[in-house]
Amino acid sequence: MTYKKRFNLNPSDIDVIETCLRKELHVCSEKYQESVKQKNAKEKDCSKQGIAAITALLGKIHNQKIWFDGDPDKPWVPKG
């Protein structure tokens, strides 16, 4: 089985994905904090791995965005 290398997503689709990932990150963070309080090492490690995976994915999405200059004299000029 092979995976698709390109997806056809618009900016609002990406926004929904990012919002859901941030909510899941919040849930994982709460689980991590609770496992630290209860000294549950297994749950702590599982939550920590989830946090790392979600953070890495959010970073990938962030790094693929094209940022534009906010100068009104040069509208829509890419920054990088």
Protein backbone atom coordinates (compact mmCIF):
# COMPACT_ATOMS: atom_id res chain seq x y z
CA MET A 1 0.00 0.00 0.00
CA THR A 2 1.26 3.48 -0.81
CA TYR A 3 0.20 6.82 0.57
CA LYS A 4 -0.80 9.94 -1.29
CA LYS A 5 2.04 12.45 -1.33
CA ARG A 6 -0.12 15.50 -2.04
CA PHE A 7 -3.43 16.59 -0.62
CA ASN A 8 -5.88 19.20 -1.87
CA LEU A 9 -6.69 21.21 1.27
CA ASN A 10 -7.70 24.84 1.47
CA PRO A 11 -6.64 27.21 4.28
CA SER A 12 -9.86 26.69 6.23
CA ASP A 13 -9.30 22.91 6.14
CA ILE A 14 -5.83 23.41 7.57
CA ASP A 15 -7.27 25.73 10.23
CA VAL A 16 -9.74 23.03 11.34
CA ILE A 17 -6.93 20.46 11.52
CA GLU A 18 -4.73 22.80 13.57
CA THR A 19 -7.59 23.62 15.94
CA CYS A 20 -8.32 19.94 16.53
CA LEU A 21 -4.64 19.18 17.08
CA ARG A 22 -4.36 22.00 19.61
CA LYS A 23 -7.42 20.69 21.49
CA GLU A 24 -5.92 17.21 21.54
CA LEU A 25 -2.63 18.70 22.72
CA HIS A 26 -4.50 20.32 25.60
CA VAL A 27 -6.10 16.97 26.55
CA CYS A 28 -2.73 15.19 26.41
CA SER A 29 -1.17 17.93 28.51
CA GLU A 30 -3.86 17.56 31.17
CA LYS A 31 -3.36 13.77 31.19
CA TYR A 32 0.38 14.31 31.55
CA GLN A 33 -0.07 16.69 34.49
CA GLU A 34 -2.47 14.28 36.19
CA SER A 35 -0.09 11.35 35.71
CA VAL A 36 2.73 13.40 37.25
CA LYS A 37 0.54 14.13 40.29
CA GLN A 38 -0.39 10.44 40.63
CA LYS A 39 3.18 9.32 39.89
CA ASN A 40 1.99 7.01 37.12
CA ALA A 41 5.12 6.55 35.00
CA LYS A 42 3.47 4.49 32.24
CA GLU A 43 0.68 7.03 31.64
CA LYS A 44 3.19 9.88 31.91
CA ASP A 45 5.39 8.38 29.16
CA CYS A 46 2.38 7.73 26.91
CA SER A 47 1.12 11.30 27.32
CA LYS A 48 4.59 12.71 26.77
CA GLN A 49 4.92 10.79 23.48
CA GLY A 50 1.50 12.06 22.36
CA ILE A 51 2.48 15.64 23.17
CA ALA A 52 5.73 15.26 21.21
CA ALA A 53 3.96 13.76 18.18
CA ILE A 54 1.27 16.46 18.05
CA THR A 55 3.82 19.25 18.55
CA ALA A 56 5.96 17.85 15.73
CA LEU A 57 2.95 17.68 13.40
CA LEU A 58 1.91 21.24 14.22
CA GLY A 59 5.49 22.29 13.50
CA LYS A 60 5.39 20.60 10.08
CA ILE A 61 2.19 22.40 9.21
CA HIS A 62 3.60 25.72 10.41
CA ASN A 63 6.81 25.30 8.38
CA GLN A 64 4.88 24.62 5.15
CA LYS A 65 2.91 27.84 5.30
CA ILE A 66 3.86 30.81 3.15
CA TRP A 67 4.00 33.96 5.24
CA PHE A 68 3.26 37.33 3.67
CA ASP A 69 4.58 40.77 4.51
CA GLY A 70 2.04 42.88 6.39
CA ASP A 71 3.21 46.12 4.75
CA PRO A 72 0.18 47.77 3.09
CA ASP A 73 2.45 49.25 0.38
CA LYS A 74 3.51 45.73 -0.71
CA PRO A 75 0.41 43.55 -0.47
CA TRP A 76 0.87 39.81 -0.72
CA VAL A 77 4.64 39.81 -0.89
CA PRO A 78 6.03 36.54 0.51
CA LYS A 79 8.37 37.03 3.48
CA GLY A 80 10.78 34.24 2.80
